[in-house]
Amino acid sequence: MACGAEKNARPITFSGATMGTTYTVSIDALPADVSLSSLSRDVDAILDRIEGRMSTYDPASELSRFNADETTDWVAMSGETVEVVDAAITVSELTDGGFDITVGPLVELWGFGASGRPPAIPSDDAIATTLERVGYRKVRTRRAPPALRKSRGDVEIDLSAIAKGYAVDQVADHLESASVSDFLVEIGGEMRARGRNPHGSPWRVGIERPDPGPRSVHRVLLLQDAALATSGDYRNFFEAEGRWFSHTIDPRTGRPVTHELASVSVVDVTSMRADALATGLTVMGPAAGRALAQREGLAVLFILRAGPGFREEWTPALTRALAEE
C-alpha cells in the first residue's frame, strides 16, 4: 500500500469508454496527494492519445492515415505506434504467423470487419486475391526516427488484437508512477494487476464460459503482478450451408479456424504480449498452441469443446494462478 494511503474495505473504481469498448480501474487505496478525479482525467488522456494513434475506426488517426497512404516509402509515425507494431511482429514470428496485424482485409472479406456487411462464404478466388495483401513480413519498422513501411501500397495494419493490451500497460504504468501500489486495470477484457485487493489477497478475475448463451464465469484465476488476456470465437460467428464459421481467421490460409479450441487465456508480464499471444495461440489451435506454450514456458489456459460441454488444459506455468474450486 502506498505511503499515506487509507485502506478501504472495497476497491475504489472508475470507468469509461475507449477503443469501442469499456475500461475499469480498481484500486485499493488512493495516495494522500492524489485525487480520484485527477487520476481519472489522466487515464482518459492516456487512452485518448493511444486511440488517436492506433484506431482503425477513426479516419484521422495516425494508423488510419498510414493505411490510406499507398506509398511504399518510410512513413513517420509516433514512437509508441512503432513500438506496438514491433511487438506484434515479434509475436507473429513466435506463433509462425498465427498472429498477424495485416489480417484485416481477410476479416472484412468474411464479413466480420468494420463495414458491417452480412457474413458470407467468399469464393476461393477472392480469398487468394486478398491473401496477396496479407502477411506480417510486408511491414517493416524503424525506431530512429520512428517510421513504418509496407511492401505493397494496399497493405493495412489493424492493431485491435494488441492495442488494448498496450493501453492497459500504459494505464498501469501511470498508476505506478502515481504511487498507486495495488490495482486492477481492465480494458475490453484485457487486464493487468499489481499488488493485492482490499482483502489482502491476489485479485480474483473470472474467465468467461465460452458459450454464446448468457454470460457466466467458467473459472476464476488469481492475478498478482501480472497481466491476463483471453481470446475466443464463441460470440462472433455465422452459420451457412450447414457449417459454422468462426470470426478467428487464420492469416496463413485466409479461412476461419476449424479446430475445437474455444478459448485461450494467457497470463504474462505485460498485457500487450498476453493480448497478442492469446490471439496467436487461438489461431494455431490446441496441438500447435500447446506445444508452443510448453516450449516457451507460457502460462496458458486452453478451453476446448467436448461434445455438449468443454474440457480444460493448462500449462504448468499457469498452476499458481488457478483458484481453488
C-alpha atoms as a PDB file:
ATOM      1  CA  MET A   1       0.000   0.000   0.000  1.00  0.00           C
ATOM      2  CA  ALA A   2       1.265   3.460  -0.914  1.00  0.00           C
ATOM      3  CA  CYS A   3       2.587   5.661   1.855  1.00  0.00           C
ATOM      4  CA  GLY A   4      -0.140   7.903   3.252  1.00  0.00           C
ATOM      5  CA  ALA A   5      -2.935   5.915   1.619  1.00  0.00           C
ATOM      6  CA  GLU A   6      -6.014   4.909   3.569  1.00  0.00           C
ATOM      7  CA  LYS A   7      -7.095   1.268   3.354  1.00  0.00           C
ATOM      8  CA  ASN A   8     -10.578   0.511   2.009  1.00  0.00           C
ATOM      9  CA  ALA A   9     -12.889  -2.433   2.589  1.00  0.00           C
ATOM     10  CA  ARG A  10     -13.818  -2.391  -1.091  1.00  0.00           C
ATOM     11  CA  PRO A  11     -11.815  -1.229  -4.111  1.00  0.00           C
ATOM     12  CA  ILE A  12     -12.202   2.303  -5.407  1.00  0.00           C
ATOM     13  CA  THR A  13     -13.274   2.124  -9.037  1.00  0.00           C
ATOM     14  CA  PHE A  14     -13.796   4.388 -12.005  1.00  0.00           C
ATOM     15  CA  SER A  15     -14.634   3.522 -15.599  1.00  0.00           C
ATOM     16  CA  GLY A  16     -15.315   4.904 -19.052  1.00  0.00           C
ATOM     17  CA  ALA A  17     -15.423   4.154 -22.766  1.00  0.00           C
ATOM     18  CA  THR A  18     -12.455   3.628 -25.061  1.00  0.00           C
ATOM     19  CA  MET A  19     -11.469   1.724 -28.213  1.00  0.00           C
ATOM     20  CA  GLY A  20     -15.030   0.674 -28.944  1.00  0.00           C
ATOM     21  CA  THR A  21     -15.364  -0.963 -25.522  1.00  0.00           C
ATOM     22  CA  THR A  22     -15.159  -0.003 -21.845  1.00  0.00           C
ATOM     23  CA  TYR A  23     -12.444   0.267 -19.237  1.00  0.00           C
ATOM     24  CA  THR A  24     -12.468  -0.117 -15.470  1.00  0.00           C
ATOM     25  CA  VAL A  25      -9.755   0.782 -12.982  1.00  0.00           C
ATOM     26  CA  SER A  26      -9.970  -0.677  -9.470  1.00  0.00           C
ATOM     27  CA  ILE A  27      -7.541   0.478  -6.798  1.00  0.00           C
ATOM     28  CA  ASP A  28      -7.098  -0.485  -3.186  1.00  0.00           C
ATOM     29  CA  ALA A  29      -6.264   2.981  -1.890  1.00  0.00           C
ATOM     30  CA  LEU A  30      -5.521   6.500  -3.077  1.00  0.00           C
ATOM     31  CA  PRO A  31      -2.205   8.088  -2.090  1.00  0.00           C
ATOM     32  CA  ALA A  32      -2.739  11.158   0.104  1.00  0.00           C
ATOM     33  CA  ASP A  33      -1.636  13.584  -2.612  1.00  0.00           C
ATOM     34  CA  VAL A  34      -3.686  12.066  -5.456  1.00  0.00           C
ATOM     35  CA  SER A  35      -7.373  12.746  -6.112  1.00  0.00           C
ATOM     36  CA  LEU A  36      -9.681  10.323  -7.844  1.00  0.00           C
ATOM     37  CA  SER A  37     -10.780  12.982 -10.346  1.00  0.00           C
ATOM     38  CA  SER A  38      -7.220  13.803 -11.390  1.00  0.00           C
ATOM     39  CA  LEU A  39      -6.355  10.112 -11.720  1.00  0.00           C
ATOM     40  CA  SER A  40      -9.424   9.550 -13.882  1.00  0.00           C
ATOM     41  CA  ARG A  41      -8.550  12.518 -16.108  1.00  0.00           C
ATOM     42  CA  ASP A  42      -5.011  11.219 -16.546  1.00  0.00           C
ATOM     43  CA  VAL A  43      -6.274   7.785 -17.562  1.00  0.00           C
ATOM     44  CA  ASP A  44      -8.725   9.275 -20.073  1.00  0.00           C
ATOM     45  CA  ALA A  45      -5.925  11.365 -21.577  1.00  0.00           C
ATOM     46  CA  ILE A  46      -3.700   8.290 -21.967  1.00  0.00           C
ATOM     47  CA  LEU A  47      -6.469   6.303 -23.646  1.00  0.00           C
ATOM     48  CA  ASP A  48      -7.449   9.196 -25.927  1.00  0.00           C
ATOM     49  CA  ARG A  49      -3.819   9.549 -27.026  1.00  0.00           C
ATOM     50  CA  ILE A  50      -3.485   5.856 -27.868  1.00  0.00           C
ATOM     51  CA  GLU A  51      -6.816   5.743 -29.663  1.00  0.00           C
ATOM     52  CA  GLY A  52      -5.846   8.818 -31.688  1.00  0.00           C
ATOM     53  CA  ARG A  53      -2.762   6.979 -32.863  1.00  0.00           C
ATOM     54  CA  MET A  54      -3.865   3.352 -33.273  1.00  0.00           C
ATOM     55  CA  SER A  55      -7.592   3.389 -34.047  1.00  0.00           C
ATOM     56  CA  THR A  56      -8.756   1.934 -37.360  1.00  0.00           C
ATOM     57  CA  TYR A  57     -12.253   3.384 -36.858  1.00  0.00           C
ATOM     58  CA  ASP A  58     -11.066   6.986 -36.715  1.00  0.00           C
ATOM     59  CA  PRO A  59     -10.045   8.068 -40.243  1.00  0.00           C
ATOM     60  CA  ALA A  60      -7.923  10.846 -38.746  1.00  0.00           C
ATOM     61  CA  SER A  61      -5.849   8.508 -36.567  1.00  0.00           C
ATOM     62  CA  GLU A  62      -2.166   8.020 -37.280  1.00  0.00           C
ATOM     63  CA  LEU A  63      -2.710   4.374 -38.230  1.00  0.00           C
ATOM     64  CA  SER A  64      -5.706   5.078 -40.467  1.00  0.00           C
ATOM     65  CA  ARG A  65      -3.681   7.660 -42.375  1.00  0.00           C
ATOM     66  CA  PHE A  66      -0.870   5.153 -42.830  1.00  0.00           C
ATOM     67  CA  ASN A  67      -3.311   2.547 -44.124  1.00  0.00           C
ATOM     68  CA  ALA A  68      -4.840   5.005 -46.576  1.00  0.00           C
ATOM     69  CA  ASP A  69      -1.448   6.077 -47.921  1.00  0.00           C
ATOM     70  CA  GLU A  70      -0.388   3.754 -50.736  1.00  0.00           C
ATOM     71  CA  THR A  71       3.251   4.751 -50.632  1.00  0.00           C
ATOM     72  CA  THR A  72       5.868   2.083 -50.020  1.00  0.00           C
ATOM     73  CA  ASP A  73       8.305   4.653 -48.622  1.00  0.00           C
ATOM     74  CA  TRP A  74       9.011   5.112 -44.926  1.00  0.00           C
ATOM     75  CA  VAL A  75       6.162   6.977 -43.200  1.00  0.00           C
ATOM     76  CA  ALA A  76       6.917   8.894 -39.995  1.00  0.00           C
ATOM     77  CA  MET A  77       4.936   7.584 -37.011  1.00  0.00           C
ATOM     78  CA  SER A  78       4.865   8.066 -33.259  1.00  0.00           C
ATOM     79  CA  GLY A  79       7.352   6.047 -31.286  1.00  0.00           C
ATOM     80  CA  GLU A  80       4.645   4.167 -29.419  1.00  0.00           C
ATOM     81  CA  THR A  81       2.834   3.033 -32.569  1.00  0.00           C
ATOM     82  CA  VAL A  82       6.128   1.688 -33.887  1.00  0.00           C
ATOM     83  CA  GLU A  83       6.728   0.025 -30.511  1.00  0.00           C
ATOM     84  CA  VAL A  84       3.389  -1.793 -30.701  1.00  0.00           C
ATOM     85  CA  VAL A  85       3.939  -2.862 -34.327  1.00  0.00           C
ATOM     86  CA  ASP A  86       7.397  -4.121 -33.372  1.00  0.00           C
ATOM     87  CA  ALA A  87       5.911  -6.165 -30.521  1.00  0.00           C
ATOM     88  CA  ALA A  88       3.251  -7.532 -32.866  1.00  0.00           C
ATOM     89  CA  ILE A  89       5.841  -8.696 -35.377  1.00  0.00           C
ATOM     90  CA  THR A  90       7.772 -10.447 -32.604  1.00  0.00           C
ATOM     91  CA  VAL A  91       4.652 -12.407 -31.619  1.00  0.00           C
ATOM     92  CA  SER A  92       3.945 -13.135 -35.296  1.00  0.00           C
ATOM     93  CA  GLU A  93       7.350 -14.750 -35.606  1.00  0.00           C
ATOM     94  CA  LEU A  94       6.852 -16.689 -32.361  1.00  0.00           C
ATOM     95  CA  THR A  95       3.449 -18.042 -33.461  1.00  0.00           C
ATOM     96  CA  ASP A  96       4.554 -18.920 -37.002  1.00  0.00           C
ATOM     97  CA  GLY A  97       2.296 -16.241 -38.447  1.00  0.00           C
ATOM     98  CA  GLY A  98      -0.749 -17.209 -36.395  1.00  0.00           C
ATOM     99  CA  PHE A  99      -0.836 -13.661 -35.092  1.00  0.00           C
ATOM    100  CA  ASP A 100      -0.772 -11.115 -37.911  1.00  0.00           C
ATOM    101  CA  ILE A 101      -1.690  -7.418 -37.780  1.00  0.00           C
ATOM    102  CA  THR A 102      -2.278  -7.352 -41.567  1.00  0.00           C
ATOM    103  CA  VAL A 103      -5.165  -9.842 -41.436  1.00  0.00           C
ATOM    104  CA  GLY A 104      -7.809  -7.067 -41.623  1.00  0.00           C
ATOM    105  CA  PRO A 105      -8.710  -7.467 -45.323  1.00  0.00           C
ATOM    106  CA  LEU A 106      -9.498 -11.148 -44.723  1.00  0.00           C
ATOM    107  CA  VAL A 107     -11.643 -10.270 -41.702  1.00  0.00           C
ATOM    108  CA  GLU A 108     -13.554  -7.813 -43.918  1.00  0.00           C
ATOM    109  CA  LEU A 109     -13.865 -10.380 -46.706  1.00  0.00           C
ATOM    110  CA  TRP A 110     -15.577 -12.829 -44.386  1.00  0.00           C
ATOM    111  CA  GLY A 111     -17.969 -10.141 -43.114  1.00  0.00           C
ATOM    112  CA  PHE A 112     -16.521  -9.676 -39.615  1.00  0.00           C
ATOM    113  CA  GLY A 113     -14.990  -6.232 -40.164  1.00  0.00           C
ATOM    114  CA  ALA A 114     -15.999  -2.637 -39.699  1.00  0.00           C
ATOM    115  CA  SER A 115     -18.100  -2.489 -42.861  1.00  0.00           C
ATOM    116  CA  GLY A 116     -20.866  -4.412 -41.125  1.00  0.00           C
ATOM    117  CA  ARG A 117     -21.857  -6.307 -44.238  1.00  0.00           C
ATOM    118  CA  PRO A 118     -23.551  -9.686 -43.667  1.00  0.00           C
ATOM    119  CA  PRO A 119     -21.103 -12.554 -43.216  1.00  0.00           C
ATOM    120  CA  ALA A 120     -20.850 -14.842 -46.229  1.00  0.00           C
ATOM    121  CA  ILE A 121     -18.562 -17.515 -47.623  1.00  0.00           C
ATOM    122  CA  PRO A 122     -16.195 -15.839 -50.112  1.00  0.00           C
ATOM    123  CA  SER A 123     -15.008 -17.575 -53.247  1.00  0.00           C
ATOM    124  CA  ASP A 124     -11.641 -19.299 -53.439  1.00  0.00           C
ATOM    125  CA  ASP A 125     -10.506 -16.667 -55.926  1.00  0.00           C
ATOM    126  CA  ALA A 126     -11.486 -13.837 -53.580  1.00  0.00           C
ATOM    127  CA  ILE A 127      -9.587 -15.470 -50.716  1.00  0.00           C
ATOM    128  CA  ALA A 128      -6.494 -15.987 -52.881  1.00  0.00           C
ATOM    129  CA  THR A 129      -6.566 -12.392 -54.102  1.00  0.00           C
ATOM    130  CA  THR A 130      -6.988 -10.999 -50.591  1.00  0.00           C
ATOM    131  CA  LEU A 131      -4.184 -13.185 -49.238  1.00  0.00           C
ATOM    132  CA  GLU A 132      -1.780 -11.328 -51.524  1.00  0.00           C
ATOM    133  CA  ARG A 133      -2.286  -8.258 -49.301  1.00  0.00           C
ATOM    134  CA  VAL A 134      -1.766 -10.153 -46.042  1.00  0.00           C
ATOM    135  CA  GLY A 135       1.462 -11.087 -44.286  1.00  0.00           C
ATOM    136  CA  TYR A 136       3.329  -9.518 -41.368  1.00  0.00           C
ATOM    137  CA  ARG A 137       6.564  -9.632 -43.344  1.00  0.00           C
ATOM    138  CA  LYS A 138       5.069  -6.982 -45.625  1.00  0.00           C
ATOM    139  CA  VAL A 139       5.525  -4.432 -42.813  1.00  0.00           C
ATOM    140  CA  ARG A 140       8.852  -3.066 -41.594  1.00  0.00           C
ATOM    141  CA  THR A 141       9.602  -0.862 -38.605  1.00  0.00           C
ATOM    142  CA  ARG A 142      12.232   1.738 -37.816  1.00  0.00           C
ATOM    143  CA  ARG A 143      12.818   3.034 -34.303  1.00  0.00           C
ATOM    144  CA  ALA A 144      15.005   6.091 -35.012  1.00  0.00           C
ATOM    145  CA  PRO A 145      13.437   8.161 -36.317  1.00  0.00           C
ATOM    146  CA  PRO A 146      10.224   6.158 -35.766  1.00  0.00           C
ATOM    147  CA  ALA A 147       8.583   5.085 -39.000  1.00  0.00           C
ATOM    148  CA  LEU A 148       6.712   2.260 -40.727  1.00  0.00           C
ATOM    149  CA  ARG A 149       6.997   0.950 -44.241  1.00  0.00           C
ATOM    150  CA  LYS A 150       4.923  -1.525 -46.254  1.00  0.00           C
ATOM    151  CA  SER A 151       5.994  -3.526 -49.276  1.00  0.00           C
ATOM    152  CA  ARG A 152       2.623  -3.098 -51.034  1.00  0.00           C
ATOM    153  CA  GLY A 153       0.568   0.055 -51.113  1.00  0.00           C
ATOM    154  CA  ASP A 154      -2.649  -1.814 -50.272  1.00  0.00           C
ATOM    155  CA  VAL A 155      -1.331  -3.457 -47.085  1.00  0.00           C
ATOM    156  CA  GLU A 156      -3.245  -2.399 -43.978  1.00  0.00           C
ATOM    157  CA  ILE A 157      -2.409  -2.698 -40.286  1.00  0.00           C
ATOM    158  CA  ASP A 158      -5.013  -3.457 -37.611  1.00  0.00           C
ATOM    159  CA  LEU A 159      -3.771  -3.319 -34.022  1.00  0.00           C
ATOM    160  CA  SER A 160      -7.086  -4.238 -32.391  1.00  0.00           C
ATOM    161  CA  ALA A 161      -5.678  -7.538 -31.081  1.00  0.00           C
ATOM    162  CA  ILE A 162      -2.755  -5.883 -29.294  1.00  0.00           C
ATOM    163  CA  ALA A 163      -3.526  -2.171 -28.760  1.00  0.00           C
ATOM    164  CA  LYS A 164      -5.968  -2.758 -25.879  1.00  0.00           C
ATOM    165  CA  GLY A 165      -3.276  -4.703 -24.092  1.00  0.00           C
ATOM    166  CA  TYR A 166      -0.795  -1.908 -24.715  1.00  0.00           C
ATOM    167  CA  ALA A 167      -3.290   0.618 -23.348  1.00  0.00           C
ATOM    168  CA  VAL A 168      -3.752  -1.488 -20.198  1.00  0.00           C
ATOM    169  CA  ASP A 169       0.021  -1.437 -19.678  1.00  0.00           C
ATOM    170  CA  GLN A 170       0.218   2.315 -20.169  1.00  0.00           C
ATOM    171  CA  VAL A 171      -2.533   2.930 -17.616  1.00  0.00           C
ATOM    172  CA  ALA A 172      -0.867   0.505 -15.190  1.00  0.00           C
ATOM    173  CA  ASP A 173       2.482   2.255 -15.620  1.00  0.00           C
ATOM    174  CA  HIS A 174       0.831   5.601 -14.873  1.00  0.00           C
ATOM    175  CA  LEU A 175      -0.802   4.263 -11.717  1.00  0.00           C
ATOM    176  CA  GLU A 176       2.576   3.006 -10.530  1.00  0.00           C
ATOM    177  CA  SER A 177       4.155   6.393 -11.233  1.00  0.00           C
ATOM    178  CA  ALA A 178       1.395   7.978  -9.134  1.00  0.00           C
ATOM    179  CA  SER A 179       2.355   5.677  -6.228  1.00  0.00           C
ATOM    180  CA  VAL A 180      -0.778   3.551  -6.510  1.00  0.00           C
ATOM    181  CA  SER A 181       0.587   0.191  -5.437  1.00  0.00           C
ATOM    182  CA  ASP A 182      -2.469  -2.107  -5.544  1.00  0.00           C
ATOM    183  CA  PHE A 183      -4.727  -2.028  -8.602  1.00  0.00           C
ATOM    184  CA  LEU A 184      -6.504  -3.900 -11.371  1.00  0.00           C
ATOM    185  CA  VAL A 185      -6.860  -2.338 -14.832  1.00  0.00           C
ATOM    186  CA  GLU A 186      -9.259  -3.824 -17.378  1.00  0.00           C
ATOM    187  CA  ILE A 187      -9.993  -2.758 -20.964  1.00  0.00           C
ATOM    188  CA  GLY A 188     -12.362  -4.894 -23.009  1.00  0.00           C
ATOM    189  CA  GLY A 189     -11.430  -7.999 -21.033  1.00  0.00           C
ATOM    190  CA  GLU A 190      -7.653  -7.483 -21.092  1.00  0.00           C
ATOM    191  CA  MET A 191      -6.238  -6.950 -17.608  1.00  0.00           C
ATOM    192  CA  ARG A 192      -3.187  -6.177 -15.538  1.00  0.00           C
ATOM    193  CA  ALA A 193      -2.933  -6.353 -11.770  1.00  0.00           C
ATOM    194  CA  ARG A 194      -0.434  -5.168  -9.228  1.00  0.00           C
ATOM    195  CA  GLY A 195      -0.290  -5.981  -5.559  1.00  0.00           C
ATOM    196  CA  ARG A 196      -3.381  -7.243  -3.765  1.00  0.00           C
ATOM    197  CA  ASN A 197      -7.065  -6.478  -3.424  1.00  0.00           C
ATOM    198  CA  PRO A 198      -8.533  -4.799  -0.313  1.00  0.00           C
ATOM    199  CA  HIS A 199      -8.801  -8.192   1.406  1.00  0.00           C
ATOM    200  CA  GLY A 200      -5.063  -8.704   1.116  1.00  0.00           C
ATOM    201  CA  SER A 201      -5.392 -11.442  -1.486  1.00  0.00           C
ATOM    202  CA  PRO A 202      -4.459 -11.623  -5.163  1.00  0.00           C
ATOM    203  CA  TRP A 203      -7.063 -10.073  -7.453  1.00  0.00           C
ATOM    204  CA  ARG A 204      -9.701 -12.627  -8.494  1.00  0.00           C
ATOM    205  CA  VAL A 205     -10.688 -12.450 -12.163  1.00  0.00           C
ATOM    206  CA  GLY A 206     -13.245 -14.545 -13.979  1.00  0.00           C
ATOM    207  CA  ILE A 207     -12.699 -16.421 -17.237  1.00  0.00           C
ATOM    208  CA  GLU A 208     -15.955 -16.426 -19.171  1.00  0.00           C
ATOM    209  CA  ARG A 209     -17.546 -19.717 -20.149  1.00  0.00           C
ATOM    210  CA  PRO A 210     -17.011 -19.921 -23.938  1.00  0.00           C
ATOM    211  CA  ASP A 211     -20.680 -20.256 -24.743  1.00  0.00           C
ATOM    212  CA  PRO A 212     -22.791 -17.898 -26.894  1.00  0.00           C
ATOM    213  CA  GLY A 213     -25.595 -18.072 -24.328  1.00  0.00           C
ATOM    214  CA  PRO A 214     -25.937 -15.934 -21.186  1.00  0.00           C
ATOM    215  CA  ARG A 215     -22.571 -14.837 -19.808  1.00  0.00           C
ATOM    216  CA  SER A 216     -21.233 -16.859 -16.901  1.00  0.00           C
ATOM    217  CA  VAL A 217     -17.892 -17.463 -15.205  1.00  0.00           C
ATOM    218  CA  HIS A 218     -16.181 -20.701 -16.206  1.00  0.00           C
ATOM    219  CA  ARG A 219     -13.137 -20.431 -13.928  1.00  0.00           C
ATOM    220  CA  VAL A 220     -11.528 -17.932 -11.570  1.00  0.00           C
ATOM    221  CA  LEU A 221      -7.841 -17.031 -11.832  1.00  0.00           C
ATOM    222  CA  LEU A 222      -5.703 -15.256  -9.241  1.00  0.00           C
ATOM    223  CA  LEU A 223      -3.806 -12.303 -10.649  1.00  0.00           C
ATOM    224  CA  GLN A 224      -0.961 -10.534  -8.857  1.00  0.00           C
ATOM    225  CA  ASP A 225       1.804  -8.505 -10.535  1.00  0.00           C
ATOM    226  CA  ALA A 226       0.771  -9.999 -13.862  1.00  0.00           C
ATOM    227  CA  ALA A 227      -1.432  -9.457 -16.908  1.00  0.00           C
ATOM    228  CA  LEU A 228      -4.223 -11.547 -18.394  1.00  0.00           C
ATOM    229  CA  ALA A 229      -5.787 -11.671 -21.850  1.00  0.00           C
ATOM    230  CA  THR A 230      -8.397 -14.009 -23.310  1.00  0.00           C
ATOM    231  CA  SER A 231      -9.275 -14.767 -26.918  1.00  0.00           C
ATOM    232  CA  GLY A 232     -12.303 -16.771 -28.034  1.00  0.00           C
ATOM    233  CA  ASP A 233     -14.539 -17.381 -31.018  1.00  0.00           C
ATOM    234  CA  TYR A 234     -17.818 -18.114 -29.264  1.00  0.00           C
ATOM    235  CA  ARG A 235     -19.592 -14.744 -29.612  1.00  0.00           C
ATOM    236  CA  ASN A 236     -18.794 -13.770 -33.180  1.00  0.00           C
ATOM    237  CA  PHE A 237     -19.577 -16.363 -35.844  1.00  0.00           C
ATOM    238  CA  PHE A 238     -22.078 -17.252 -38.527  1.00  0.00           C
ATOM    239  CA  GLU A 239     -23.646 -20.378 -39.977  1.00  0.00           C
ATOM    240  CA  ALA A 240     -24.017 -21.051 -43.691  1.00  0.00           C
ATOM    241  CA  GLU A 241     -24.528 -24.138 -45.824  1.00  0.00           C
ATOM    242  CA  GLY A 242     -24.845 -26.214 -42.696  1.00  0.00           C
ATOM    243  CA  ARG A 243     -21.433 -25.152 -41.377  1.00  0.00           C
ATOM    244  CA  TRP A 244     -20.243 -22.935 -38.525  1.00  0.00           C
ATOM    245  CA  PHE A 245     -17.696 -20.199 -39.331  1.00  0.00           C
ATOM    246  CA  SER A 246     -15.591 -18.539 -36.638  1.00  0.00           C
ATOM    247  CA  HIS A 247     -14.532 -14.878 -36.760  1.00  0.00           C
ATOM    248  CA  THR A 248     -10.995 -16.075 -35.959  1.00  0.00           C
ATOM    249  CA  ILE A 249      -9.313 -16.041 -39.361  1.00  0.00           C
ATOM    250  CA  ASP A 250      -6.065 -17.890 -39.952  1.00  0.00           C
ATOM    251  CA  PRO A 251      -3.939 -15.328 -41.854  1.00  0.00           C
ATOM    252  CA  ARG A 252      -1.913 -18.155 -43.381  1.00  0.00           C
ATOM    253  CA  THR A 253      -4.878 -19.854 -45.076  1.00  0.00           C
ATOM    254  CA  GLY A 254      -7.319 -16.968 -45.383  1.00  0.00           C
ATOM    255  CA  ARG A 255     -10.074 -19.039 -43.796  1.00  0.00           C
ATOM    256  CA  PRO A 256     -11.724 -19.305 -40.363  1.00  0.00           C
ATOM    257  CA  VAL A 257     -10.156 -21.777 -37.972  1.00  0.00           C
ATOM    258  CA  THR A 258     -11.926 -25.145 -37.708  1.00  0.00           C
ATOM    259  CA  HIS A 259     -10.375 -26.738 -34.610  1.00  0.00           C
ATOM    260  CA  GLU A 260     -12.110 -27.421 -31.284  1.00  0.00           C
ATOM    261  CA  LEU A 261     -10.334 -24.666 -29.332  1.00  0.00           C
ATOM    262  CA  ALA A 262     -12.986 -22.319 -27.914  1.00  0.00           C
ATOM    263  CA  SER A 263     -10.982 -20.000 -25.656  1.00  0.00           C
ATOM    264  CA  VAL A 264      -7.373 -19.210 -24.777  1.00  0.00           C
ATOM    265  CA  SER A 265      -6.308 -17.233 -21.698  1.00  0.00           C
ATOM    266  CA  VAL A 266      -2.700 -16.109 -21.256  1.00  0.00           C
ATOM    267  CA  VAL A 267      -1.088 -14.793 -18.075  1.00  0.00           C
ATOM    268  CA  ASP A 268       2.071 -12.845 -18.841  1.00  0.00           C
ATOM    269  CA  VAL A 269       4.227  -9.972 -17.619  1.00  0.00           C
ATOM    270  CA  THR A 270       2.564  -7.404 -19.900  1.00  0.00           C
ATOM    271  CA  SER A 271      -0.989  -7.155 -21.158  1.00  0.00           C
ATOM    272  CA  MET A 272       0.265  -6.243 -24.636  1.00  0.00           C
ATOM    273  CA  ARG A 273       2.105  -9.536 -25.062  1.00  0.00           C
ATOM    274  CA  ALA A 274      -0.674 -11.543 -23.391  1.00  0.00           C
ATOM    275  CA  ASP A 275      -3.212  -9.929 -25.742  1.00  0.00           C
ATOM    276  CA  ALA A 276      -1.274 -10.847 -28.888  1.00  0.00           C
ATOM    277  CA  LEU A 277      -0.320 -14.313 -27.657  1.00  0.00           C
ATOM    278  CA  ALA A 278      -3.931 -15.207 -26.827  1.00  0.00           C
ATOM    279  CA  THR A 279      -4.948 -14.449 -30.412  1.00  0.00           C
ATOM    280  CA  GLY A 280      -1.943 -16.196 -31.941  1.00  0.00           C
ATOM    281  CA  LEU A 281      -2.413 -19.345 -29.870  1.00  0.00           C
ATOM    282  CA  THR A 282      -6.114 -19.409 -30.738  1.00  0.00           C
ATOM    283  CA  VAL A 283      -5.264 -19.385 -34.432  1.00  0.00           C
ATOM    284  CA  MET A 284      -2.595 -22.071 -34.013  1.00  0.00           C
ATOM    285  CA  GLY A 285      -5.057 -24.479 -32.423  1.00  0.00           C
ATOM    286  CA  PRO A 286      -4.769 -26.832 -29.445  1.00  0.00           C
ATOM    287  CA  ALA A 287      -1.878 -29.044 -30.550  1.00  0.00           C
ATOM    288  CA  ALA A 288       0.467 -26.427 -32.029  1.00  0.00           C
ATOM    289  CA  GLY A 289      -0.566 -23.822 -29.463  1.00  0.00           C
ATOM    290  CA  ARG A 290       0.040 -26.134 -26.533  1.00  0.00           C
ATOM    291  CA  ALA A 291       3.430 -27.189 -27.926  1.00  0.00           C
ATOM    292  CA  LEU A 292       4.493 -23.549 -28.272  1.00  0.00           C
ATOM    293  CA  ALA A 293       3.247 -22.639 -24.792  1.00  0.00           C
ATOM    294  CA  GLN A 294       5.089 -25.572 -23.233  1.00  0.00           C
ATOM    295  CA  ARG A 295       8.306 -24.799 -25.101  1.00  0.00           C
ATOM    296  CA  GLU A 296       8.252 -21.104 -24.156  1.00  0.00           C
ATOM    297  CA  GLY A 297       7.127 -21.641 -20.568  1.00  0.00           C
ATOM    298  CA  LEU A 298       3.916 -19.637 -21.102  1.00  0.00           C
ATOM    299  CA  ALA A 299       1.092 -19.625 -18.556  1.00  0.00           C
ATOM    300  CA  VAL A 300      -1.935 -20.591 -20.664  1.00  0.00           C
ATOM    301  CA  LEU A 301      -5.430 -21.969 -20.086  1.00  0.00           C
ATOM    302  CA  PHE A 302      -6.961 -23.732 -23.094  1.00  0.00           C
ATOM    303  CA  ILE A 303     -10.710 -24.420 -23.097  1.00  0.00           C
ATOM    304  CA  LEU A 304     -11.764 -26.913 -25.773  1.00  0.00           C
ATOM    305  CA  ARG A 305     -15.171 -28.025 -26.990  1.00  0.00           C
ATOM    306  CA  ALA A 306     -16.010 -31.562 -25.902  1.00  0.00           C
ATOM    307  CA  GLY A 307     -19.404 -32.705 -27.088  1.00  0.00           C
ATOM    308  CA  PRO A 308     -22.072 -30.552 -25.412  1.00  0.00           C
ATOM    309  CA  GLY A 309     -19.576 -29.223 -22.868  1.00  0.00           C
ATOM    310  CA  PHE A 310     -15.953 -28.214 -22.508  1.00  0.00           C
ATOM    311  CA  ARG A 311     -12.673 -29.583 -21.232  1.00  0.00           C
ATOM    312  CA  GLU A 312      -9.619 -27.724 -19.977  1.00  0.00           C
ATOM    313  CA  GLU A 313      -5.911 -27.997 -20.495  1.00  0.00           C
ATOM    314  CA  TRP A 314      -3.321 -25.736 -18.923  1.00  0.00           C
ATOM    315  CA  THR A 315       0.419 -25.402 -18.855  1.00  0.00           C
ATOM    316  CA  PRO A 316       2.465 -25.895 -15.680  1.00  0.00           C
ATOM    317  CA  ALA A 317       3.264 -22.175 -15.603  1.00  0.00           C
ATOM    318  CA  LEU A 318      -0.431 -21.370 -15.063  1.00  0.00           C
ATOM    319  CA  THR A 319      -0.814 -23.527 -11.953  1.00  0.00           C
ATOM    320  CA  ARG A 320      -0.036 -20.747  -9.455  1.00  0.00           C
ATOM    321  CA  ALA A 321      -2.839 -18.619 -10.934  1.00  0.00           C
ATOM    322  CA  LEU A 322      -5.546 -21.267 -10.553  1.00  0.00           C
ATOM    323  CA  ALA A 323      -8.028 -20.516  -7.799  1.00  0.00           C
ATOM    324  CA  GLU A 324      -9.341 -23.373  -5.710  1.00  0.00           C
ATOM    325  CA  GLU A 325     -12.655 -24.661  -6.980  1.00  0.00           C
END
